[in-house]
Amino acid sequence: GNIIFIGDEGLRTLVDFRYKRHYKGDRGDHGQAK
């Protein structure tokens, strides 16, 4: 999975990023038989 930023005119500060600093995307599932 990608990490994507989306602009939101309803937000006015970066305060949320002060409390959580690490963001990781989901891993893809492994391939299977057949």
PDB file of all heavy atoms in Angstrom:
ATOM      1  N   GLY A   1       0.812  -1.213   0.000  1.00  0.00           N
ATOM      2  CA  GLY A   1       0.000   0.000   0.000  1.00  0.00           C
ATOM      3  C   GLY A   1       0.846   1.264   0.000  1.00  0.00           C
ATOM      4  O   GLY A   1       1.919   1.319   0.608  1.00  0.00           O
ATOM      5  N   ASN A   2       0.365   2.281  -0.694  1.00  0.00           N
ATOM      6  CA  ASN A   2       1.037   3.588  -0.728  1.00  0.00           C
ATOM      7  C   ASN A   2       0.658   4.429   0.491  1.00  0.00           C
ATOM      8  O   ASN A   2      -0.401   4.248   1.081  1.00  0.00           O
ATOM      9  CB  ASN A   2       0.629   4.369  -1.985  1.00  0.00           C
ATOM     10  CG  ASN A   2       0.975   3.644  -3.273  1.00  0.00           C
ATOM     11  OD1 ASN A   2       2.063   3.089  -3.403  1.00  0.00           O
ATOM     12  ND2 ASN A   2       0.063   3.661  -4.232  1.00  0.00           N
ATOM     13  N   ILE A   3       1.532   5.379   0.839  1.00  0.00           N
ATOM     14  CA  ILE A   3       1.181   6.438   1.785  1.00  0.00           C
ATOM     15  C   ILE A   3       0.806   7.656   0.943  1.00  0.00           C
ATOM     16  O   ILE A   3       1.613   8.159   0.160  1.00  0.00           O
ATOM     17  CB  ILE A   3       2.341   6.795   2.729  1.00  0.00           C
ATOM     18  CG1 ILE A   3       2.857   5.559   3.462  1.00  0.00           C
ATOM     19  CG2 ILE A   3       1.902   7.879   3.723  1.00  0.00           C
ATOM     20  CD1 ILE A   3       1.910   5.004   4.475  1.00  0.00           C
ATOM     21  N   ILE A   4      -0.436   8.122   1.088  1.00  0.00           N
ATOM     22  CA  ILE A   4      -0.959   9.195   0.246  1.00  0.00           C
ATOM     23  C   ILE A   4      -1.398  10.371   1.107  1.00  0.00           C
ATOM     24  O   ILE A   4      -2.083  10.190   2.117  1.00  0.00           O
ATOM     25  CB  ILE A   4      -2.148   8.692  -0.598  1.00  0.00           C
ATOM     26  CG1 ILE A   4      -1.705   7.545  -1.524  1.00  0.00           C
ATOM     27  CG2 ILE A   4      -2.771   9.824  -1.406  1.00  0.00           C
ATOM     28  CD1 ILE A   4      -2.850   6.919  -2.299  1.00  0.00           C
ATOM     29  N   PHE A   5      -0.986  11.573   0.706  1.00  0.00           N
ATOM     30  CA  PHE A   5      -1.475  12.802   1.334  1.00  0.00           C
ATOM     31  C   PHE A   5      -2.607  13.370   0.478  1.00  0.00           C
ATOM     32  O   PHE A   5      -2.504  13.407  -0.755  1.00  0.00           O
ATOM     33  CB  PHE A   5      -0.374  13.852   1.429  1.00  0.00           C
ATOM     34  CG  PHE A   5       0.630  13.609   2.523  1.00  0.00           C
ATOM     35  CD1 PHE A   5       1.764  14.400   2.621  1.00  0.00           C
ATOM     36  CD2 PHE A   5       0.454  12.608   3.452  1.00  0.00           C
ATOM     37  CE1 PHE A   5       2.691  14.203   3.625  1.00  0.00           C
ATOM     38  CE2 PHE A   5       1.376  12.381   4.457  1.00  0.00           C
ATOM     39  CZ  PHE A   5       2.493  13.184   4.546  1.00  0.00           C
ATOM     40  N   ILE A   6      -3.658  13.840   1.138  1.00  0.00           N
ATOM     41  CA  ILE A   6      -4.761  14.517   0.447  1.00  0.00           C
ATOM     42  C   ILE A   6      -4.984  15.872   1.113  1.00  0.00           C
ATOM     43  O   ILE A   6      -5.130  15.955   2.338  1.00  0.00           O
ATOM     44  CB  ILE A   6      -6.057  13.684   0.493  1.00  0.00           C
ATOM     45  CG1 ILE A   6      -5.889  12.388  -0.298  1.00  0.00           C
ATOM     46  CG2 ILE A   6      -7.229  14.486  -0.066  1.00  0.00           C
ATOM     47  CD1 ILE A   6      -7.155  11.558  -0.403  1.00  0.00           C
ATOM     48  N   GLY A   7      -5.009  16.932   0.309  1.00  0.00           N
ATOM     49  CA  GLY A   7      -5.248  18.268   0.840  1.00  0.00           C
ATOM     50  C   GLY A   7      -6.678  18.408   1.345  1.00  0.00           C
ATOM     51  O   GLY A   7      -7.617  17.991   0.672  1.00  0.00           O
ATOM     52  N   ASP A   8      -6.838  18.983   2.528  1.00  0.00           N
ATOM     53  CA  ASP A   8      -8.159  19.171   3.139  1.00  0.00           C
ATOM     54  C   ASP A   8      -8.255  20.605   3.642  1.00  0.00           C
ATOM     55  O   ASP A   8      -7.573  20.979   4.602  1.00  0.00           O
ATOM     56  CB  ASP A   8      -8.343  18.178   4.286  1.00  0.00           C
ATOM     57  CG  ASP A   8      -9.759  18.190   4.861  1.00  0.00           C
ATOM     58  OD1 ASP A   8     -10.457  19.210   4.694  1.00  0.00           O
ATOM     59  OD2 ASP A   8     -10.156  17.194   5.480  1.00  0.00           O
ATOM     60  N   GLU A   9      -9.097  21.403   2.983  1.00  0.00           N
ATOM     61  CA  GLU A   9      -9.213  22.808   3.364  1.00  0.00           C
ATOM     62  C   GLU A   9      -9.902  22.989   4.714  1.00  0.00           C
ATOM     63  O   GLU A   9      -9.887  24.080   5.295  1.00  0.00           O
ATOM     64  CB  GLU A   9      -9.968  23.584   2.292  1.00  0.00           C
ATOM     65  CG  GLU A   9     -11.394  23.127   2.075  1.00  0.00           C
ATOM     66  CD  GLU A   9     -12.069  23.801   0.890  1.00  0.00           C
ATOM     67  OE1 GLU A   9     -11.378  24.451   0.095  1.00  0.00           O
ATOM     68  OE2 GLU A   9     -13.295  23.653   0.770  1.00  0.00           O
ATOM     69  N   GLY A  10     -10.490  21.919   5.260  1.00  0.00           N
ATOM     70  CA  GLY A  10     -11.133  22.007   6.574  1.00  0.00           C
ATOM     71  C   GLY A  10     -10.148  21.909   7.720  1.00  0.00           C
ATOM     72  O   GLY A  10     -10.489  22.210   8.866  1.00  0.00           O
ATOM     73  N   LEU A  11      -8.902  21.495   7.447  1.00  0.00           N
ATOM     74  CA  LEU A  11      -7.875  21.392   8.489  1.00  0.00           C
ATOM     75  C   LEU A  11      -7.043  22.657   8.495  1.00  0.00           C
ATOM     76  O   LEU A  11      -6.718  23.203   7.441  1.00  0.00           O
ATOM     77  CB  LEU A  11      -6.974  20.177   8.240  1.00  0.00           C
ATOM     78  CG  LEU A  11      -7.664  18.813   8.251  1.00  0.00           C
ATOM     79  CD1 LEU A  11      -6.673  17.714   7.910  1.00  0.00           C
ATOM     80  CD2 LEU A  11      -8.298  18.542   9.606  1.00  0.00           C
ATOM     81  N   ARG A  12      -6.672  23.100   9.685  1.00  0.00           N
ATOM     82  CA  ARG A  12      -5.942  24.372   9.798  1.00  0.00           C
ATOM     83  C   ARG A  12      -4.583  24.236  10.462  1.00  0.00           C
ATOM     84  O   ARG A  12      -3.811  25.188  10.469  1.00  0.00           O
ATOM     85  CB  ARG A  12      -6.787  25.381  10.593  1.00  0.00           C
ATOM     86  CG  ARG A  12      -8.158  25.641  10.035  1.00  0.00           C
ATOM     87  CD  ARG A  12      -8.108  26.346   8.693  1.00  0.00           C
ATOM     88  NE  ARG A  12      -7.584  27.692   8.831  1.00  0.00           N
ATOM     89  CZ  ARG A  12      -6.985  28.362   7.851  1.00  0.00           C
ATOM     90  NH1 ARG A  12      -6.801  27.797   6.693  1.00  0.00           N
ATOM     91  NH2 ARG A  12      -6.561  29.587   8.048  1.00  0.00           N
ATOM     92  N   THR A  13      -4.288  23.077  11.067  1.00  0.00           N
ATOM     93  CA  THR A  13      -3.020  22.913  11.776  1.00  0.00           C
ATOM     94  C   THR A  13      -2.457  21.517  11.528  1.00  0.00           C
ATOM     95  O   THR A  13      -3.135  20.630  11.027  1.00  0.00           O
ATOM     96  CB  THR A  13      -3.193  23.095  13.302  1.00  0.00           C
ATOM     97  OG1 THR A  13      -3.826  21.926  13.843  1.00  0.00           O
ATOM     98  CG2 THR A  13      -4.016  24.325  13.629  1.00  0.00           C
ATOM     99  N   LEU A  14      -1.189  21.336  11.931  1.00  0.00           N
ATOM    100  CA  LEU A  14      -0.519  20.033  11.843  1.00  0.00           C
ATOM    101  C   LEU A  14      -0.452  19.361  13.217  1.00  0.00           C
ATOM    102  O   LEU A  14       0.378  18.485  13.435  1.00  0.00           O
ATOM    103  CB  LEU A  14       0.906  20.218  11.298  1.00  0.00           C
ATOM    104  CG  LEU A  14       1.019  20.746   9.869  1.00  0.00           C
ATOM    105  CD1 LEU A  14       2.468  21.064   9.525  1.00  0.00           C
ATOM    106  CD2 LEU A  14       0.451  19.745   8.878  1.00  0.00           C
ATOM    107  N   VAL A  15      -1.341  19.779  14.105  1.00  0.00           N
ATOM    108  CA  VAL A  15      -1.234  19.305  15.487  1.00  0.00           C
ATOM    109  C   VAL A  15      -1.344  17.787  15.593  1.00  0.00           C
ATOM    110  O   VAL A  15      -0.710  17.165  16.452  1.00  0.00           O
ATOM    111  CB  VAL A  15      -2.291  20.008  16.379  1.00  0.00           C
ATOM    112  CG1 VAL A  15      -3.703  19.585  15.992  1.00  0.00           C
ATOM    113  CG2 VAL A  15      -2.026  19.734  17.851  1.00  0.00           C
ATOM    114  N   ASP A  16      -2.121  17.126  14.727  1.00  0.00           N
ATOM    115  CA  ASP A  16      -2.273  15.668  14.808  1.00  0.00           C
ATOM    116  C   ASP A  16      -0.954  14.944  14.601  1.00  0.00           C
ATOM    117  O   ASP A  16      -0.736  13.856  15.146  1.00  0.00           O
ATOM    118  CB  ASP A  16      -3.288  15.179  13.775  1.00  0.00           C
ATOM    119  CG  ASP A  16      -4.708  15.613  14.108  1.00  0.00           C
ATOM    120  OD1 ASP A  16      -4.933  15.997  15.268  1.00  0.00           O
ATOM    121  OD2 ASP A  16      -5.570  15.585  13.215  1.00  0.00           O
ATOM    122  N   PHE A  17      -0.057  15.525  13.797  1.00  0.00           N
ATOM    123  CA  PHE A  17       1.219  14.877  13.508  1.00  0.00           C
ATOM    124  C   PHE A  17       2.223  15.050  14.648  1.00  0.00           C
ATOM    125  O   PHE A  17       3.319  14.506  14.596  1.00  0.00           O
ATOM    126  CB  PHE A  17       1.808  15.429  12.207  1.00  0.00           C
ATOM    127  CG  PHE A  17       0.965  15.106  11.004  1.00  0.00           C
ATOM    128  CD1 PHE A  17       0.134  16.061  10.437  1.00  0.00           C
ATOM    129  CD2 PHE A  17       0.989  13.844  10.443  1.00  0.00           C
ATOM    130  CE1 PHE A  17      -0.648  15.766   9.340  1.00  0.00           C
ATOM    131  CE2 PHE A  17       0.200  13.534   9.341  1.00  0.00           C
ATOM    132  CZ  PHE A  17      -0.604  14.493   8.796  1.00  0.00           C
ATOM    133  N   ARG A  18       1.848  15.809  15.669  1.00  0.00           N
ATOM    134  CA  ARG A  18       2.723  15.929  16.842  1.00  0.00           C
ATOM    135  C   ARG A  18       2.576  14.705  17.737  1.00  0.00           C
ATOM    136  O   ARG A  18       3.472  14.374  18.503  1.00  0.00           O
ATOM    137  CB  ARG A  18       2.359  17.188  17.635  1.00  0.00           C
ATOM    138  CG  ARG A  18       2.367  18.473  16.823  1.00  0.00           C
ATOM    139  CD  ARG A  18       3.766  19.039  16.674  1.00  0.00           C
ATOM    140  NE  ARG A  18       3.763  20.205  15.794  1.00  0.00           N
ATOM    141  CZ  ARG A  18       3.464  21.431  16.184  1.00  0.00           C
ATOM    142  NH1 ARG A  18       3.114  21.650  17.438  1.00  0.00           N
ATOM    143  NH2 ARG A  18       3.511  22.439  15.335  1.00  0.00           N
ATOM    144  N   TYR A  19       1.420  14.052  17.672  1.00  0.00           N
ATOM    145  CA  TYR A  19       1.149  12.934  18.571  1.00  0.00           C
ATOM    146  C   TYR A  19       1.474  11.584  17.932  1.00  0.00           C
ATOM    147  O   TYR A  19       1.770  10.625  18.621  1.00  0.00           O
ATOM    148  CB  TYR A  19      -0.322  12.958  18.998  1.00  0.00           C
ATOM    149  CG  TYR A  19      -0.721  14.251  19.665  1.00  0.00           C
ATOM    150  CD1 TYR A  19      -1.656  15.107  19.078  1.00  0.00           C
ATOM    151  CD2 TYR A  19      -0.145  14.642  20.875  1.00  0.00           C
ATOM    152  CE1 TYR A  19      -2.004  16.308  19.678  1.00  0.00           C
ATOM    153  CE2 TYR A  19      -0.493  15.833  21.478  1.00  0.00           C
ATOM    154  CZ  TYR A  19      -1.421  16.665  20.882  1.00  0.00           C
ATOM    155  OH  TYR A  19      -1.755  17.852  21.482  1.00  0.00           O
ATOM    156  N   LYS A  20       1.380  11.502  16.613  1.00  0.00           N
ATOM    157  CA  LYS A  20       1.744  10.267  15.916  1.00  0.00           C
ATOM    158  C   LYS A  20       2.700  10.629  14.800  1.00  0.00           C
ATOM    159  O   LYS A  20       2.364  11.442  13.934  1.00  0.00           O
ATOM    160  CB  LYS A  20       0.503   9.568  15.353  1.00  0.00           C
ATOM    161  CG  LYS A  20       0.841   8.242  14.686  1.00  0.00           C
ATOM    162  CD  LYS A  20      -0.384   7.528  14.149  1.00  0.00           C
ATOM    163  CE  LYS A  20       0.026   6.223  13.472  1.00  0.00           C
ATOM    164  NZ  LYS A  20      -1.122   5.531  12.854  1.00  0.00           N
ATOM    165  N   ARG A  21       3.873  10.001  14.805  1.00  0.00           N
ATOM    166  CA  ARG A  21       4.928  10.395  13.863  1.00  0.00           C
ATOM    167  C   ARG A  21       5.274   9.305  12.849  1.00  0.00           C
ATOM    168  O   ARG A  21       5.964   9.578  11.875  1.00  0.00           O
ATOM    169  CB  ARG A  21       6.196  10.796  14.621  1.00  0.00           C
ATOM    170  CG  ARG A  21       6.019  12.033  15.482  1.00  0.00           C
ATOM    171  CD  ARG A  21       7.308  12.378  16.212  1.00  0.00           C
ATOM    172  NE  ARG A  21       7.157  13.546  17.055  1.00  0.00           N
ATOM    173  CZ  ARG A  21       7.353  14.792  16.653  1.00  0.00           C
ATOM    174  NH1 ARG A  21       7.683  15.031  15.401  1.00  0.00           N
ATOM    175  NH2 ARG A  21       7.218  15.812  17.489  1.00  0.00           N
ATOM    176  N   HIS A  22       4.856   8.068  13.082  1.00  0.00           N
ATOM    177  CA  HIS A  22       5.226   6.958  12.198  1.00  0.00           C
ATOM    178  C   HIS A  22       3.991   6.427  11.471  1.00  0.00           C
ATOM    179  O   HIS A  22       2.975   6.118  12.106  1.00  0.00           O
ATOM    180  CB  HIS A  22       5.885   5.830  12.996  1.00  0.00           C
ATOM    181  CG  HIS A  22       7.262   6.177  13.497  1.00  0.00           C
ATOM    182  ND1 HIS A  22       7.467   7.052  14.536  1.00  0.00           N
ATOM    183  CD2 HIS A  22       8.497   5.778  13.089  1.00  0.00           C
ATOM    184  CE1 HIS A  22       8.779   7.171  14.752  1.00  0.00           C
ATOM    185  NE2 HIS A  22       9.418   6.420  13.881  1.00  0.00           N
ATOM    186  N   TYR A  23       4.115   6.282  10.159  1.00  0.00           N
ATOM    187  CA  TYR A  23       3.006   5.798   9.337  1.00  0.00           C
ATOM    188  C   TYR A  23       3.542   4.756   8.346  1.00  0.00           C
ATOM    189  O   TYR A  23       4.485   5.040   7.603  1.00  0.00           O
ATOM    190  CB  TYR A  23       2.342   6.951   8.576  1.00  0.00           C
ATOM    191  CG  TYR A  23       1.802   8.023   9.488  1.00  0.00           C
ATOM    192  CD1 TYR A  23       2.605   9.086   9.890  1.00  0.00           C
ATOM    193  CD2 TYR A  23       0.496   7.962   9.967  1.00  0.00           C
ATOM    194  CE1 TYR A  23       2.119  10.063  10.745  1.00  0.00           C
ATOM    195  CE2 TYR A  23       0.000   8.935  10.819  1.00  0.00           C
ATOM    196  CZ  TYR A  23       0.817   9.980  11.202  1.00  0.00           C
ATOM    197  OH  TYR A  23       0.337  10.941  12.045  1.00  0.00           O
ATOM    198  N   LYS A  24       2.910   3.568   8.348  1.00  0.00           N
ATOM    199  CA  LYS A  24       3.357   2.485   7.469  1.00  0.00           C
ATOM    200  C   LYS A  24       2.182   1.947   6.666  1.00  0.00           C
ATOM    201  O   LYS A  24       1.081   1.766   7.194  1.00  0.00           O
ATOM    202  CB  LYS A  24       3.990   1.354   8.281  1.00  0.00           C
ATOM    203  CG  LYS A  24       5.304   1.736   8.947  1.00  0.00           C
ATOM    204  CD  LYS A  24       5.961   0.542   9.631  1.00  0.00           C
ATOM    205  CE  LYS A  24       7.295   0.928  10.259  1.00  0.00           C
ATOM    206  NZ  LYS A  24       7.958  -0.232  10.912  1.00  0.00           N
ATOM    207  N   GLY A  25       2.433   1.684   5.387  1.00  0.00           N
ATOM    208  CA  GLY A  25       1.414   1.109   4.529  1.00  0.00           C
ATOM    209  C   GLY A  25       1.286  -0.389   4.737  1.00  0.00           C
ATOM    210  O   GLY A  25       2.202  -1.046   5.246  1.00  0.00           O
ATOM    211  N   ASP A  26       0.153  -0.958   4.319  1.00  0.00           N
ATOM    212  CA  ASP A  26      -0.075  -2.400   4.438  1.00  0.00           C
ATOM    213  C   ASP A  26       0.836  -3.169   3.496  1.00  0.00           C
ATOM    214  O   ASP A  26       1.100  -2.734   2.372  1.00  0.00           O
ATOM    215  CB  ASP A  26      -1.531  -2.730   4.062  1.00  0.00           C
ATOM    216  CG  ASP A  26      -2.491  -2.456   5.202  1.00  0.00           C
ATOM    217  OD1 ASP A  26      -2.013  -2.160   6.303  1.00  0.00           O
ATOM    218  OD2 ASP A  26      -3.706  -2.525   4.968  1.00  0.00           O
ATOM    219  N   ARG A  27       1.274  -4.336   3.958  1.00  0.00           N
ATOM    220  CA  ARG A  27       2.052  -5.222   3.100  1.00  0.00           C
ATOM    221  C   ARG A  27       1.101  -5.959   2.159  1.00  0.00           C
ATOM    222  O   ARG A  27      -0.030  -6.291   2.517  1.00  0.00           O
ATOM    223  CB  ARG A  27       2.822  -6.234   3.941  1.00  0.00           C
ATOM    224  CG  ARG A  27       3.589  -7.222   3.071  1.00  0.00           C
ATOM    225  CD  ARG A  27       4.555  -8.095   3.830  1.00  0.00           C
ATOM    226  NE  ARG A  27       5.400  -8.795   2.879  1.00  0.00           N
ATOM    227  CZ  ARG A  27       6.681  -9.057   3.059  1.00  0.00           C
ATOM    228  NH1 ARG A  27       7.272  -8.663   4.161  1.00  0.00           N
ATOM    229  NH2 ARG A  27       7.380  -9.694   2.146  1.00  0.00           N
ATOM    230  N   GLY A  28       1.568  -6.236   0.927  1.00  0.00           N
ATOM    231  CA  GLY A  28       0.797  -7.054   0.008  1.00  0.00           C
ATOM    232  C   GLY A  28       0.807  -8.506   0.459  1.00  0.00           C
ATOM    233  O   GLY A  28       1.767  -8.976   1.086  1.00  0.00           O
ATOM    234  N   ASP A  29      -0.255  -9.227   0.158  1.00  0.00           N
ATOM    235  CA  ASP A  29      -0.297 -10.654   0.515  1.00  0.00           C
ATOM    236  C   ASP A  29       0.630 -11.451  -0.396  1.00  0.00           C
ATOM    237  O   ASP A  29       0.912 -11.049  -1.537  1.00  0.00           O
ATOM    238  CB  ASP A  29      -1.727 -11.196   0.371  1.00  0.00           C
ATOM    239  CG  ASP A  29      -2.646 -10.703   1.477  1.00  0.00           C
ATOM    240  OD1 ASP A  29      -2.128 -10.125   2.454  1.00  0.00           O
ATOM    241  OD2 ASP A  29      -3.873 -10.880   1.353  1.00  0.00           O
ATOM    242  N   HIS A  30       1.092 -12.603   0.103  1.00  0.00           N
ATOM    243  CA  HIS A  30       1.975 -13.464  -0.681  1.00  0.00           C
ATOM    244  C   HIS A  30       1.170 -14.165  -1.785  1.00  0.00           C
ATOM    245  O   HIS A  30      -0.041 -14.391  -1.665  1.00  0.00           O
ATOM    246  CB  HIS A  30       2.638 -14.508   0.205  1.00  0.00           C
ATOM    247  CG  HIS A  30       3.481 -13.908   1.297  1.00  0.00           C
ATOM    248  ND1 HIS A  30       4.277 -12.804   1.103  1.00  0.00           N
ATOM    249  CD2 HIS A  30       3.657 -14.271   2.601  1.00  0.00           C
ATOM    250  CE1 HIS A  30       4.906 -12.509   2.230  1.00  0.00           C
ATOM    251  NE2 HIS A  30       4.538 -13.380   3.157  1.00  0.00           N
ATOM    252  N   GLY A  31       1.881 -14.488  -2.859  1.00  0.00           N
ATOM    253  CA  GLY A  31       1.261 -15.259  -3.924  1.00  0.00           C
ATOM    254  C   GLY A  31       0.935 -16.674  -3.453  1.00  0.00           C
ATOM    255  O   GLY A  31       1.464 -17.146  -2.447  1.00  0.00           O
ATOM    256  N   GLN A  32       0.066 -17.352  -4.184  1.00  0.00           N
ATOM    257  CA  GLN A  32      -0.341 -18.702  -3.808  1.00  0.00           C
ATOM    258  C   GLN A  32      -0.268 -19.632  -5.013  1.00  0.00           C
ATOM    259  O   GLN A  32       0.003 -19.205  -6.143  1.00  0.00           O
ATOM    260  CB  GLN A  32      -1.768 -18.666  -3.256  1.00  0.00           C
ATOM    261  CG  GLN A  32      -1.936 -17.777  -2.031  1.00  0.00           C
ATOM    262  CD  GLN A  32      -3.370 -17.744  -1.557  1.00  0.00           C
ATOM    263  OE1 GLN A  32      -4.039 -18.768  -1.499  1.00  0.00           O
ATOM    264  NE2 GLN A  32      -3.857 -16.553  -1.238  1.00  0.00           N
ATOM    265  N   ALA A  33      -0.516 -20.900  -4.746  1.00  0.00           N
ATOM    266  CA  ALA A  33      -0.536 -21.898  -5.821  1.00  0.00           C
ATOM    267  C   ALA A  33      -1.705 -21.616  -6.763  1.00  0.00           C
ATOM    268  O   ALA A  33      -2.548 -20.753  -6.502  1.00  0.00           O
ATOM    269  CB  ALA A  33      -0.638 -23.297  -5.226  1.00  0.00           C
ATOM    270  N   LYS A  34      -1.725 -22.373  -7.856  1.00  0.00           N
ATOM    271  CA  LYS A  34      -2.774 -22.241  -8.887  1.00  0.00           C
ATOM    272  C   LYS A  34      -2.781 -20.837  -9.496  1.00  0.00           C
ATOM    273  O   LYS A  34      -3.834 -20.300  -9.853  1.00  0.00           O
ATOM    274  CB  LYS A  34      -4.147 -22.576  -8.306  1.00  0.00           C
ATOM    275  CG  LYS A  34      -4.252 -24.009  -7.788  1.00  0.00           C
ATOM    276  CD  LYS A  34      -5.647 -24.311  -7.287  1.00  0.00           C
ATOM    277  CE  LYS A  34      -5.727 -25.761  -6.778  1.00  0.00           C
ATOM    278  NZ  LYS A  34      -7.082 -26.104  -6.260  1.00  0.00           N
TER     279      LYS A  34
END
